[in-house]
N, C-alpha and C. Protein backbone atom coordinates (compact mmCIF):
# COMPACT_ATOMS: atom_id res chain seq x y z
N MET A 1 84.38 -160.34 61.77
CA MET A 1 84.45 -159.45 62.99
C MET A 1 83.64 -158.14 62.66
N ARG A 2 83.75 -157.61 61.40
CA ARG A 2 83.16 -156.38 61.02
C ARG A 2 81.61 -156.50 61.12
N GLY A 3 81.11 -157.65 60.73
CA GLY A 3 79.64 -157.89 60.78
C GLY A 3 79.06 -157.87 62.28
N PHE A 4 79.83 -158.42 63.06
CA PHE A 4 79.42 -158.54 64.55
C PHE A 4 79.49 -157.10 65.09
N LEU A 5 80.52 -156.35 64.73
CA LEU A 5 80.53 -155.01 65.22
C LEU A 5 79.36 -154.14 64.61
N ALA A 6 79.06 -154.31 63.41
CA ALA A 6 77.91 -153.52 62.83
C ALA A 6 76.64 -153.93 63.57
N ALA A 7 76.44 -155.20 63.63
CA ALA A 7 75.22 -155.71 64.38
C ALA A 7 75.08 -155.23 65.68
N SER A 8 76.20 -155.26 66.44
CA SER A 8 76.20 -154.76 67.85
C SER A 8 75.90 -153.22 67.83
N VAL A 9 76.43 -152.47 67.06
CA VAL A 9 76.16 -151.03 66.97
C VAL A 9 74.64 -150.79 66.68
N LEU A 10 74.17 -151.60 65.60
CA LEU A 10 72.80 -151.33 65.17
C LEU A 10 71.74 -151.78 66.15
N TYR A 11 71.97 -153.00 66.77
CA TYR A 11 70.94 -153.53 67.67
C TYR A 11 71.10 -153.37 69.11
N CYS A 12 72.24 -152.80 69.42
CA CYS A 12 72.46 -152.63 70.93
C CYS A 12 72.55 -151.09 71.25
N THR A 13 73.50 -150.45 70.52
CA THR A 13 73.60 -149.11 70.81
C THR A 13 72.59 -148.14 70.42
N GLY A 14 71.98 -148.42 69.29
CA GLY A 14 70.84 -147.53 68.74
C GLY A 14 69.68 -147.61 69.75
N PRO A 15 69.22 -148.77 70.23
CA PRO A 15 68.02 -148.71 71.08
C PRO A 15 68.37 -148.13 72.53
N MET A 16 69.54 -148.22 72.95
CA MET A 16 69.99 -147.78 74.13
C MET A 16 70.09 -146.30 74.06
N ALA A 17 70.45 -145.66 72.97
CA ALA A 17 70.44 -144.16 72.79
C ALA A 17 69.04 -143.66 72.85
N VAL A 18 68.09 -144.44 72.22
CA VAL A 18 66.65 -143.98 72.13
C VAL A 18 66.03 -144.08 73.63
N LEU A 19 66.39 -145.11 74.41
CA LEU A 19 65.88 -145.26 75.74
C LEU A 19 66.55 -144.16 76.55
N GLY A 20 67.74 -143.85 76.41
CA GLY A 20 68.30 -142.70 77.18
C GLY A 20 67.63 -141.44 76.80
N ALA A 21 67.28 -141.16 75.59
CA ALA A 21 66.68 -139.95 75.28
C ALA A 21 65.24 -139.85 75.90
N ILE A 22 64.51 -140.96 75.95
CA ILE A 22 63.15 -141.19 76.55
C ILE A 22 63.30 -140.97 78.01
N SER A 23 64.27 -141.51 78.63
CA SER A 23 64.55 -141.22 80.10
C SER A 23 64.84 -139.77 80.43
N LEU A 24 65.60 -139.11 79.60
CA LEU A 24 65.83 -137.64 79.76
C LEU A 24 64.55 -136.87 79.68
N LEU A 25 63.68 -137.18 78.66
CA LEU A 25 62.43 -136.56 78.43
C LEU A 25 61.39 -136.73 79.68
N ALA A 26 61.47 -138.07 80.15
CA ALA A 26 60.61 -138.37 81.27
C ALA A 26 61.08 -137.55 82.51
N THR A 27 62.38 -137.42 82.69
CA THR A 27 62.91 -136.66 83.89
C THR A 27 62.39 -135.16 83.77
N GLN A 28 62.45 -134.60 82.55
CA GLN A 28 61.99 -133.18 82.44
C GLN A 28 60.55 -133.05 82.60
N LEU A 29 59.70 -134.03 82.13
CA LEU A 29 58.29 -134.01 82.30
C LEU A 29 57.91 -134.33 83.73
N ASN A 30 58.74 -134.90 84.49
CA ASN A 30 58.33 -135.20 85.89
C ASN A 30 58.06 -133.94 86.71
N THR A 31 58.67 -132.82 86.29
CA THR A 31 58.50 -131.64 87.17
C THR A 31 57.21 -130.88 86.68
N MET A 32 56.61 -131.22 85.51
CA MET A 32 55.37 -130.58 85.02
C MET A 32 54.09 -131.52 85.24
N VAL A 33 54.34 -132.86 85.35
CA VAL A 33 53.23 -133.72 85.39
C VAL A 33 53.05 -134.25 86.77
N SER A 34 51.79 -134.26 87.29
CA SER A 34 51.64 -134.73 88.63
C SER A 34 51.36 -136.24 88.51
N SER A 35 51.38 -136.88 89.67
CA SER A 35 51.31 -138.34 89.73
C SER A 35 49.93 -138.81 89.20
N ALA A 36 48.81 -138.02 89.50
CA ALA A 36 47.58 -138.40 88.95
C ALA A 36 47.53 -138.40 87.36
N MET A 37 48.19 -137.31 86.88
CA MET A 37 48.19 -137.25 85.32
C MET A 37 49.01 -138.38 84.85
N MET A 38 50.12 -138.74 85.47
CA MET A 38 51.05 -139.82 84.96
C MET A 38 50.22 -141.27 85.06
N ASN A 39 49.38 -141.40 86.15
CA ASN A 39 48.61 -142.58 86.24
C ASN A 39 47.49 -142.65 85.11
N GLU A 40 46.89 -141.48 84.70
CA GLU A 40 45.97 -141.43 83.63
C GLU A 40 46.61 -141.81 82.28
N MET A 41 47.73 -141.17 82.11
CA MET A 41 48.45 -141.53 80.84
C MET A 41 48.92 -142.97 80.73
N THR A 42 49.33 -143.56 81.99
CA THR A 42 49.72 -144.94 82.00
C THR A 42 48.48 -145.85 81.66
N ALA A 43 47.43 -145.59 82.24
CA ALA A 43 46.24 -146.29 81.96
C ALA A 43 45.72 -146.28 80.56
N THR A 44 45.85 -145.02 80.03
CA THR A 44 45.44 -144.89 78.54
C THR A 44 46.20 -145.61 77.65
N GLY A 45 47.59 -145.65 77.97
CA GLY A 45 48.53 -146.36 77.13
C GLY A 45 48.37 -147.87 77.23
N GLY A 46 47.95 -148.31 78.49
CA GLY A 46 47.78 -149.73 78.61
C GLY A 46 46.55 -150.28 77.97
N ILE A 47 45.50 -149.43 77.92
CA ILE A 47 44.24 -149.72 77.24
C ILE A 47 44.59 -149.81 75.63
N LEU A 48 45.28 -148.80 75.20
CA LEU A 48 45.60 -148.82 73.70
C LEU A 48 46.41 -150.01 73.32
N LEU A 49 47.39 -150.34 74.21
CA LEU A 49 48.27 -151.55 73.84
C LEU A 49 47.32 -152.82 74.03
N MET A 50 46.45 -152.97 74.89
CA MET A 50 45.53 -154.16 75.06
C MET A 50 44.70 -154.19 73.82
N GLY A 51 44.19 -153.09 73.34
CA GLY A 51 43.25 -153.04 72.06
C GLY A 51 44.09 -153.46 70.91
N ILE A 52 45.30 -153.01 70.73
CA ILE A 52 46.17 -153.39 69.63
C ILE A 52 46.37 -154.88 69.65
N GLY A 53 46.78 -155.41 70.77
CA GLY A 53 46.88 -156.93 70.99
C GLY A 53 45.78 -157.65 70.71
N ILE A 54 44.47 -157.24 71.19
CA ILE A 54 43.28 -158.04 70.98
C ILE A 54 42.92 -158.03 69.48
N SER A 55 43.07 -156.79 68.92
CA SER A 55 42.77 -156.74 67.43
C SER A 55 43.75 -157.58 66.58
N SER A 56 44.95 -157.72 67.06
CA SER A 56 45.96 -158.57 66.30
C SER A 56 45.60 -160.00 66.52
N MET A 57 45.23 -160.52 67.70
CA MET A 57 44.93 -161.84 67.97
C MET A 57 43.67 -162.27 67.27
N LEU A 58 42.63 -161.30 67.12
CA LEU A 58 41.43 -161.71 66.53
C LEU A 58 41.44 -161.49 65.00
N GLU A 59 42.53 -160.89 64.52
CA GLU A 59 42.83 -160.60 63.14
C GLU A 59 41.63 -159.67 62.66
N LEU A 60 41.23 -158.71 63.31
CA LEU A 60 40.34 -157.63 62.90
C LEU A 60 40.80 -156.87 61.82
N LYS A 61 39.81 -156.58 60.82
CA LYS A 61 40.27 -155.83 59.72
C LYS A 61 39.67 -154.42 59.89
N LYS A 62 40.03 -153.45 58.97
CA LYS A 62 39.56 -152.19 59.07
C LYS A 62 38.04 -152.12 58.86
N SER A 63 37.37 -151.20 59.62
CA SER A 63 35.91 -151.17 59.39
C SER A 63 35.51 -150.36 58.21
N ALA A 64 34.39 -150.44 57.76
CA ALA A 64 33.88 -149.64 56.58
C ALA A 64 33.98 -148.19 56.91
N TRP A 65 33.69 -147.84 58.21
CA TRP A 65 33.74 -146.32 58.55
C TRP A 65 35.11 -145.83 58.37
N ALA A 66 36.13 -146.61 58.77
CA ALA A 66 37.58 -146.16 58.68
C ALA A 66 37.90 -146.04 57.20
N ILE A 67 37.43 -146.95 56.38
CA ILE A 67 37.88 -146.85 54.99
C ILE A 67 37.16 -145.61 54.29
N SER A 68 35.89 -145.44 54.56
CA SER A 68 35.10 -144.32 53.98
C SER A 68 35.60 -142.98 54.50
N SER A 69 35.84 -142.79 55.74
CA SER A 69 36.38 -141.62 56.31
C SER A 69 37.71 -141.10 55.69
N ARG A 70 38.52 -142.24 55.23
CA ARG A 70 39.76 -141.76 54.65
C ARG A 70 39.64 -141.16 53.24
N ARG A 71 38.58 -141.49 52.59
CA ARG A 71 38.25 -140.92 51.21
C ARG A 71 37.40 -139.59 51.31
N TRP A 72 36.86 -139.28 52.52
CA TRP A 72 35.91 -138.24 52.66
C TRP A 72 36.51 -136.81 52.15
N PRO A 73 37.78 -136.47 52.39
CA PRO A 73 38.11 -135.10 52.13
C PRO A 73 38.32 -134.84 50.60
N SER A 74 38.38 -135.96 49.82
CA SER A 74 38.63 -135.74 48.41
C SER A 74 37.25 -135.54 47.65
N ARG A 75 36.19 -135.75 48.31
CA ARG A 75 34.89 -135.46 47.63
C ARG A 75 34.65 -134.12 47.42
N GLN A 76 33.97 -133.65 46.30
CA GLN A 76 33.59 -132.31 46.10
C GLN A 76 32.26 -132.05 46.61
N LEU A 77 32.15 -130.93 47.40
CA LEU A 77 30.87 -130.54 48.01
C LEU A 77 30.32 -129.42 47.21
N SER A 78 29.02 -129.65 46.87
CA SER A 78 28.35 -128.51 46.08
C SER A 78 27.33 -127.94 46.91
N TYR A 79 27.29 -126.65 46.81
CA TYR A 79 26.46 -125.80 47.70
C TYR A 79 25.32 -125.09 46.84
N VAL A 80 24.12 -125.29 47.30
CA VAL A 80 22.99 -124.64 46.51
C VAL A 80 22.73 -123.30 47.12
N SER A 81 22.68 -122.32 46.19
CA SER A 81 22.51 -120.96 46.69
C SER A 81 21.01 -120.50 46.42
C-alpha cells in the first residue's frame, strides 16, 4: 500500500502541480502578450519540436561545428603588438 501511495504522489501529484504552475504563469502572461505574439511563439515551439523529432528519427549526431564551438572559449588568443 505504501508503494502505491508513493508512486501516486510521485507520478500524479507532481506533474499536476507543475501543470498548475504553468497555467498560472500563462494566465499572467495573457495580459502582456498579444494573440499575434502567442501565435509566433506557438509556431516557433512547433518547429523546434518537429526538428527534435526528425533528428531523433534520423539519429543525427552532433556536427563538427557544434563540437568545435564548444571548445572555442578555452583556446588562448595571442595578440601581436
